[in-house]
Amino acid sequence: MSAKPTPGPWVANIRKLPGRVSTIDISAGFEFPPVISWQGFDESDIQNEVHEANARLIAAAPRGLSASEFVYIRLLMLAHDSTRLALQPAFCALRDYIAEATGRSQRDVQEDYEARAVAASAKAGR
C-alpha cells in the first residue's frame, strides 16, 4: 500500500502582488511547511484566475476523497439488485477515482471497500 497523504482539510493560501498572483501555498490548516507551494507566475501564460481555481481544487482534494469513500461504501451496502446494477457506472467512477487518488489498483480498492461495506452492513444489522 502506498504512503498516506497529509490529512486534510487543506487550505489554499494565495498571495498576490498588484495585478498578479505571486505565490500559492496549499497547507494543512496553518501547519508549516505547506503541503504544496509554487511561485513564478510571471513566466506563465495561464491567467491568474486559473492558477487560483487550480489551487482551490487541489486544496479540496482530501475532502473530495473522503466524500468519495463515504459514498462508495454506502453504494456497496445496497442490495445486489437492479438498482445496484443501474448504478454500476457510479461504482466504477468512484472506485477509479479512489484508486487514482490513493495509488492503489482498482481491484485492491474494490476488494477493500466491499469488505468495509460488509462490515458496516453487519454493524448496522442489515
N, C-alpha and C. Protein backbone atom coordinates (compact mmCIF):
# COMPACT_ATOMS: atom_id res chain seq x y z
N MET A 1 0.85 -1.18 0.00
CA MET A 1 0.00 0.00 0.00
C MET A 1 0.89 1.24 0.00
N SER A 2 0.46 2.27 -0.67
CA SER A 2 1.26 3.48 -0.77
C SER A 2 1.17 4.33 0.50
N ALA A 3 2.06 5.29 0.57
CA ALA A 3 2.12 6.18 1.74
C ALA A 3 0.82 6.97 1.87
N LYS A 4 0.50 7.33 3.09
CA LYS A 4 -0.70 8.14 3.36
C LYS A 4 -0.39 9.61 3.10
N PRO A 5 -1.31 10.33 2.47
CA PRO A 5 -1.09 11.76 2.25
C PRO A 5 -1.27 12.56 3.54
N THR A 6 -0.86 13.79 3.51
CA THR A 6 -1.09 14.70 4.65
C THR A 6 -2.59 14.83 4.85
N PRO A 7 -3.07 14.59 6.07
CA PRO A 7 -4.52 14.67 6.30
C PRO A 7 -5.05 16.08 6.06
N GLY A 8 -6.27 16.16 5.61
CA GLY A 8 -6.93 17.44 5.41
C GLY A 8 -7.60 17.89 6.69
N PRO A 9 -8.31 18.98 6.67
CA PRO A 9 -8.56 19.76 5.47
C PRO A 9 -7.34 20.60 5.07
N TRP A 10 -7.25 20.83 3.78
CA TRP A 10 -6.19 21.68 3.25
C TRP A 10 -6.77 23.06 2.93
N VAL A 11 -5.91 24.05 2.93
CA VAL A 11 -6.32 25.43 2.67
C VAL A 11 -5.42 26.01 1.58
N ALA A 12 -6.01 26.71 0.63
CA ALA A 12 -5.24 27.40 -0.40
C ALA A 12 -4.95 28.82 0.08
N ASN A 13 -3.68 29.12 0.22
CA ASN A 13 -3.25 30.47 0.61
C ASN A 13 -2.66 31.13 -0.63
N ILE A 14 -3.36 32.11 -1.16
CA ILE A 14 -2.96 32.76 -2.41
C ILE A 14 -2.47 34.16 -2.08
N ARG A 15 -1.19 34.40 -2.33
CA ARG A 15 -0.62 35.72 -2.08
C ARG A 15 -0.52 36.46 -3.41
N LYS A 16 -0.95 37.69 -3.38
CA LYS A 16 -0.97 38.48 -4.60
C LYS A 16 -0.14 39.75 -4.44
N LEU A 17 0.46 40.13 -5.52
CA LEU A 17 1.06 41.45 -5.67
C LEU A 17 0.12 42.21 -6.58
N PRO A 18 0.25 43.49 -6.69
CA PRO A 18 -0.69 44.24 -7.55
C PRO A 18 -0.81 43.64 -8.95
N GLY A 19 -2.02 43.16 -9.28
CA GLY A 19 -2.29 42.68 -10.62
C GLY A 19 -1.86 41.26 -10.92
N ARG A 20 -1.27 40.54 -9.97
CA ARG A 20 -0.84 39.18 -10.29
C ARG A 20 -0.71 38.33 -9.03
N VAL A 21 -0.75 37.03 -9.23
CA VAL A 21 -0.52 36.07 -8.15
C VAL A 21 0.99 35.95 -7.99
N SER A 22 1.48 35.98 -6.76
CA SER A 22 2.92 35.83 -6.55
C SER A 22 3.28 34.43 -6.07
N THR A 23 2.52 33.90 -5.10
CA THR A 23 2.82 32.59 -4.54
C THR A 23 1.51 31.92 -4.13
N ILE A 24 1.45 30.61 -4.33
CA ILE A 24 0.32 29.83 -3.84
C ILE A 24 0.89 28.72 -2.96
N ASP A 25 0.37 28.61 -1.74
CA ASP A 25 0.71 27.53 -0.83
C ASP A 25 -0.56 26.77 -0.51
N ILE A 26 -0.46 25.46 -0.53
CA ILE A 26 -1.55 24.61 -0.07
C ILE A 26 -1.06 24.02 1.24
N SER A 27 -1.77 24.31 2.33
CA SER A 27 -1.32 23.84 3.63
C SER A 27 -2.43 23.09 4.34
N ALA A 28 -2.00 22.25 5.28
CA ALA A 28 -2.95 21.52 6.13
C ALA A 28 -3.28 22.44 7.30
N GLY A 29 -4.31 23.21 7.17
CA GLY A 29 -4.64 24.21 8.18
C GLY A 29 -3.57 25.28 8.19
N PHE A 30 -2.98 25.49 9.35
CA PHE A 30 -1.94 26.51 9.46
C PHE A 30 -0.58 25.88 9.68
N GLU A 31 -0.44 24.60 9.36
CA GLU A 31 0.83 23.92 9.55
C GLU A 31 1.85 24.42 8.53
N PHE A 32 3.10 24.36 8.94
CA PHE A 32 4.20 24.73 8.05
C PHE A 32 5.20 23.59 8.10
N PRO A 33 5.83 23.22 7.07
CA PRO A 33 5.78 23.80 5.73
C PRO A 33 4.50 23.41 5.00
N PRO A 34 4.20 24.13 3.93
CA PRO A 34 2.99 23.80 3.17
C PRO A 34 3.10 22.41 2.54
N VAL A 35 1.96 21.83 2.24
CA VAL A 35 1.90 20.55 1.54
C VAL A 35 2.44 20.74 0.13
N ILE A 36 2.02 21.83 -0.52
CA ILE A 36 2.44 22.18 -1.89
C ILE A 36 2.66 23.68 -1.93
N SER A 37 3.69 24.11 -2.65
CA SER A 37 3.94 25.54 -2.81
C SER A 37 4.45 25.78 -4.22
N TRP A 38 3.96 26.81 -4.86
CA TRP A 38 4.53 27.18 -6.14
C TRP A 38 4.48 28.68 -6.34
N GLN A 39 5.41 29.14 -7.16
CA GLN A 39 5.51 30.56 -7.47
C GLN A 39 6.04 30.72 -8.88
N GLY A 40 6.36 31.93 -9.27
CA GLY A 40 6.90 32.17 -10.60
C GLY A 40 5.84 32.35 -11.65
N PHE A 41 4.78 33.03 -11.30
CA PHE A 41 3.66 33.19 -12.21
C PHE A 41 3.92 34.21 -13.31
N ASP A 42 4.99 35.00 -13.18
CA ASP A 42 5.31 35.98 -14.22
C ASP A 42 5.60 35.32 -15.55
N GLU A 43 6.19 34.13 -15.52
CA GLU A 43 6.58 33.43 -16.75
C GLU A 43 5.44 32.60 -17.34
N SER A 44 4.31 32.55 -16.66
CA SER A 44 3.22 31.67 -17.07
C SER A 44 2.28 32.35 -18.06
N ASP A 45 1.80 31.56 -19.02
CA ASP A 45 0.78 32.04 -19.95
C ASP A 45 -0.63 31.83 -19.41
N ILE A 46 -0.72 31.19 -18.28
CA ILE A 46 -2.03 30.89 -17.68
C ILE A 46 -2.50 32.11 -16.89
N GLN A 47 -3.80 32.41 -16.99
CA GLN A 47 -4.36 33.55 -16.27
C GLN A 47 -4.35 33.29 -14.77
N ASN A 48 -4.23 34.37 -13.99
CA ASN A 48 -4.23 34.26 -12.53
C ASN A 48 -5.45 33.51 -12.01
N GLU A 49 -6.61 33.75 -12.59
CA GLU A 49 -7.83 33.09 -12.13
C GLU A 49 -7.73 31.58 -12.28
N VAL A 50 -7.04 31.10 -13.30
CA VAL A 50 -6.87 29.66 -13.50
C VAL A 50 -5.94 29.10 -12.43
N HIS A 51 -4.87 29.81 -12.11
CA HIS A 51 -3.99 29.37 -11.02
C HIS A 51 -4.76 29.28 -9.70
N GLU A 52 -5.59 30.28 -9.44
CA GLU A 52 -6.37 30.28 -8.21
C GLU A 52 -7.38 29.14 -8.20
N ALA A 53 -8.04 28.88 -9.32
CA ALA A 53 -9.00 27.78 -9.41
C ALA A 53 -8.30 26.44 -9.20
N ASN A 54 -7.12 26.28 -9.79
CA ASN A 54 -6.34 25.05 -9.60
C ASN A 54 -5.97 24.87 -8.12
N ALA A 55 -5.58 25.95 -7.47
CA ALA A 55 -5.22 25.88 -6.05
C ALA A 55 -6.42 25.45 -5.20
N ARG A 56 -7.59 26.00 -5.49
CA ARG A 56 -8.78 25.62 -4.72
C ARG A 56 -9.13 24.14 -4.94
N LEU A 57 -8.98 23.67 -6.18
CA LEU A 57 -9.27 22.27 -6.49
C LEU A 57 -8.30 21.34 -5.74
N ILE A 58 -7.04 21.68 -5.73
CA ILE A 58 -6.05 20.87 -5.02
C ILE A 58 -6.34 20.88 -3.52
N ALA A 59 -6.67 22.04 -2.97
CA ALA A 59 -6.95 22.15 -1.54
C ALA A 59 -8.19 21.33 -1.15
N ALA A 60 -9.12 21.15 -2.07
CA ALA A 60 -10.34 20.39 -1.79
C ALA A 60 -10.14 18.88 -1.91
N ALA A 61 -8.98 18.44 -2.39
CA ALA A 61 -8.74 17.02 -2.65
C ALA A 61 -8.99 16.11 -1.45
N PRO A 62 -8.50 16.41 -0.25
CA PRO A 62 -8.77 15.49 0.87
C PRO A 62 -10.26 15.33 1.17
N ARG A 63 -11.02 16.42 1.10
CA ARG A 63 -12.46 16.32 1.33
C ARG A 63 -13.14 15.55 0.21
N GLY A 64 -12.67 15.74 -1.02
CA GLY A 64 -13.24 15.00 -2.16
C GLY A 64 -13.00 13.50 -2.03
N LEU A 65 -11.81 13.13 -1.58
CA LEU A 65 -11.51 11.71 -1.38
C LEU A 65 -12.38 11.14 -0.26
N SER A 66 -12.49 11.84 0.85
CA SER A 66 -13.31 11.36 1.96
C SER A 66 -14.77 11.19 1.54
N ALA A 67 -15.30 12.15 0.81
CA ALA A 67 -16.69 12.07 0.35
C ALA A 67 -16.86 10.90 -0.62
N SER A 68 -15.90 10.70 -1.50
CA SER A 68 -15.98 9.59 -2.46
C SER A 68 -15.95 8.25 -1.75
N GLU A 69 -15.08 8.12 -0.75
CA GLU A 69 -15.00 6.87 0.01
C GLU A 69 -16.32 6.61 0.74
N PHE A 70 -16.89 7.64 1.36
CA PHE A 70 -18.15 7.51 2.09
C PHE A 70 -19.26 7.03 1.15
N VAL A 71 -19.41 7.71 0.01
CA VAL A 71 -20.47 7.36 -0.94
C VAL A 71 -20.25 5.97 -1.52
N TYR A 72 -19.01 5.62 -1.83
CA TYR A 72 -18.71 4.31 -2.41
C TYR A 72 -19.12 3.20 -1.45
N ILE A 73 -18.77 3.33 -0.18
CA ILE A 73 -19.15 2.31 0.80
C ILE A 73 -20.67 2.22 0.92
N ARG A 74 -21.35 3.37 0.97
CA ARG A 74 -22.81 3.35 1.09
C ARG A 74 -23.45 2.69 -0.12
N LEU A 75 -22.93 2.97 -1.32
CA LEU A 75 -23.47 2.32 -2.51
C LEU A 75 -23.22 0.81 -2.48
N LEU A 76 -22.05 0.41 -2.01
CA LEU A 76 -21.74 -1.02 -1.93
C LEU A 76 -22.63 -1.74 -0.92
N MET A 77 -23.20 -0.99 0.01
CA MET A 77 -24.09 -1.59 1.01
C MET A 77 -25.48 -1.88 0.45
N LEU A 78 -25.78 -1.39 -0.76
CA LEU A 78 -27.07 -1.65 -1.37
C LEU A 78 -27.20 -3.13 -1.70
N ALA A 79 -28.42 -3.60 -1.70
CA ALA A 79 -28.67 -4.99 -2.09
C ALA A 79 -28.24 -5.20 -3.54
N HIS A 80 -27.88 -6.42 -3.86
CA HIS A 80 -27.48 -6.76 -5.23
C HIS A 80 -28.76 -6.96 -6.05
N ASP A 81 -29.26 -5.89 -6.58
CA ASP A 81 -30.47 -5.97 -7.38
C ASP A 81 -30.36 -5.04 -8.58
N SER A 82 -31.49 -4.77 -9.22
CA SER A 82 -31.47 -3.94 -10.43
C SER A 82 -31.03 -2.51 -10.13
N THR A 83 -31.29 -2.01 -8.91
CA THR A 83 -30.85 -0.66 -8.55
C THR A 83 -29.33 -0.59 -8.55
N ARG A 84 -28.72 -1.58 -7.93
CA ARG A 84 -27.25 -1.60 -7.88
C ARG A 84 -26.67 -1.77 -9.28
N LEU A 85 -27.30 -2.59 -10.09
CA LEU A 85 -26.84 -2.79 -11.47
C LEU A 85 -26.92 -1.47 -12.24
N ALA A 86 -28.00 -0.73 -12.04
CA ALA A 86 -28.17 0.55 -12.73
C ALA A 86 -27.13 1.57 -12.29
N LEU A 87 -26.62 1.42 -11.06
CA LEU A 87 -25.61 2.35 -10.54
C LEU A 87 -24.18 1.92 -10.84
N GLN A 88 -24.01 0.87 -11.62
CA GLN A 88 -22.66 0.36 -11.91
C GLN A 88 -21.70 1.42 -12.45
N PRO A 89 -22.13 2.32 -13.34
CA PRO A 89 -21.20 3.37 -13.78
C PRO A 89 -20.71 4.25 -12.63
N ALA A 90 -21.58 4.51 -11.65
CA ALA A 90 -21.18 5.31 -10.49
C ALA A 90 -20.17 4.53 -9.64
N PHE A 91 -20.42 3.22 -9.46
CA PHE A 91 -19.47 2.38 -8.73
C PHE A 91 -18.08 2.47 -9.36
N CYS A 92 -18.05 2.29 -10.67
CA CYS A 92 -16.77 2.29 -11.38
C CYS A 92 -16.07 3.65 -11.29
N ALA A 93 -16.83 4.73 -11.43
CA ALA A 93 -16.24 6.06 -11.37
C ALA A 93 -15.64 6.33 -9.99
N LEU A 94 -16.37 5.98 -8.94
CA LEU A 94 -15.86 6.18 -7.58
C LEU A 94 -14.65 5.30 -7.31
N ARG A 95 -14.72 4.03 -7.68
CA ARG A 95 -13.60 3.10 -7.48
C ARG A 95 -12.36 3.61 -8.19
N ASP A 96 -12.53 4.04 -9.44
CA ASP A 96 -11.38 4.51 -10.22
C ASP A 96 -10.77 5.78 -9.64
N TYR A 97 -11.62 6.69 -9.16
CA TYR A 97 -11.13 7.92 -8.52
C TYR A 97 -10.35 7.59 -7.25
N ILE A 98 -10.90 6.73 -6.41
CA ILE A 98 -10.22 6.35 -5.17
C ILE A 98 -8.90 5.67 -5.49
N ALA A 99 -8.89 4.79 -6.48
CA ALA A 99 -7.65 4.10 -6.86
C ALA A 99 -6.59 5.11 -7.31
N GLU A 100 -6.98 6.04 -8.15
CA GLU A 100 -6.02 7.04 -8.65
C GLU A 100 -5.52 7.94 -7.52
N ALA A 101 -6.44 8.37 -6.65
CA ALA A 101 -6.06 9.29 -5.57
C ALA A 101 -5.17 8.62 -4.53
N THR A 102 -5.31 7.31 -4.35
CA THR A 102 -4.55 6.61 -3.32
C THR A 102 -3.38 5.81 -3.85
N GLY A 103 -3.25 5.71 -5.18
CA GLY A 103 -2.15 4.95 -5.77
C GLY A 103 -2.33 3.45 -5.66
N ARG A 104 -3.57 3.01 -5.51
CA ARG A 104 -3.87 1.59 -5.39
C ARG A 104 -4.47 1.08 -6.68
N SER A 105 -4.50 -0.24 -6.83
CA SER A 105 -5.13 -0.81 -8.02
C SER A 105 -6.65 -0.78 -7.85
N GLN A 106 -7.35 -0.79 -8.97
CA GLN A 106 -8.80 -0.81 -8.93
C GLN A 106 -9.30 -2.06 -8.20
N ARG A 107 -8.66 -3.17 -8.46
CA ARG A 107 -9.06 -4.42 -7.81
C ARG A 107 -8.87 -4.34 -6.29
N ASP A 108 -7.74 -3.81 -5.86
CA ASP A 108 -7.47 -3.67 -4.43
C ASP A 108 -8.52 -2.79 -3.77
N VAL A 109 -8.83 -1.67 -4.41
CA VAL A 109 -9.84 -0.75 -3.86
C VAL A 109 -11.20 -1.46 -3.78
N GLN A 110 -11.59 -2.13 -4.85
CA GLN A 110 -12.89 -2.79 -4.86
C GLN A 110 -12.98 -3.84 -3.76
N GLU A 111 -11.96 -4.69 -3.64
CA GLU A 111 -11.99 -5.74 -2.61
C GLU A 111 -11.99 -5.14 -1.20
N ASP A 112 -11.16 -4.14 -0.97
CA ASP A 112 -11.07 -3.50 0.34
C ASP A 112 -12.41 -2.85 0.72
N TYR A 113 -12.98 -2.09 -0.18
CA TYR A 113 -14.20 -1.35 0.14
C TYR A 113 -15.42 -2.27 0.20
N GLU A 114 -15.42 -3.36 -0.57
CA GLU A 114 -16.51 -4.33 -0.43
C GLU A 114 -16.47 -4.95 0.97
N ALA A 115 -15.26 -5.26 1.45
CA ALA A 115 -15.13 -5.80 2.81
C ALA A 115 -15.59 -4.77 3.85
N ARG A 116 -15.25 -3.50 3.64
CA ARG A 116 -15.70 -2.45 4.56
C ARG A 116 -17.21 -2.32 4.56
N ALA A 117 -17.82 -2.44 3.37
CA ALA A 117 -19.27 -2.34 3.25
C ALA A 117 -19.95 -3.50 3.96
N VAL A 118 -19.41 -4.71 3.82
CA VAL A 118 -19.97 -5.86 4.51
C VAL A 118 -19.89 -5.64 6.02
N ALA A 119 -18.76 -5.17 6.51
CA ALA A 119 -18.60 -4.90 7.94
C ALA A 119 -19.57 -3.82 8.41
N ALA A 120 -19.72 -2.77 7.64
CA ALA A 120 -20.63 -1.68 8.01
C ALA A 120 -22.07 -2.17 8.00
N SER A 121 -22.44 -3.02 7.04
CA SER A 121 -23.79 -3.56 6.98
C SER A 121 -24.06 -4.46 8.19
N ALA A 122 -23.08 -5.27 8.55
CA ALA A 122 -23.23 -6.16 9.71
C ALA A 122 -23.38 -5.33 10.98
N LYS A 123 -22.61 -4.28 11.08
CA LYS A 123 -22.68 -3.41 12.25
C LYS A 123 -24.04 -2.72 12.34
N ALA A 124 -24.58 -2.37 11.18
CA ALA A 124 -25.87 -1.69 11.13
C ALA A 124 -27.04 -2.68 11.26
N GLY A 125 -26.71 -3.99 11.26
CA GLY A 125 -27.75 -5.01 11.40
C GLY A 125 -28.53 -5.26 10.13
N ARG A 126 -27.90 -5.05 8.98
CA ARG A 126 -28.59 -5.27 7.69
C ARG A 126 -28.36 -6.66 7.18
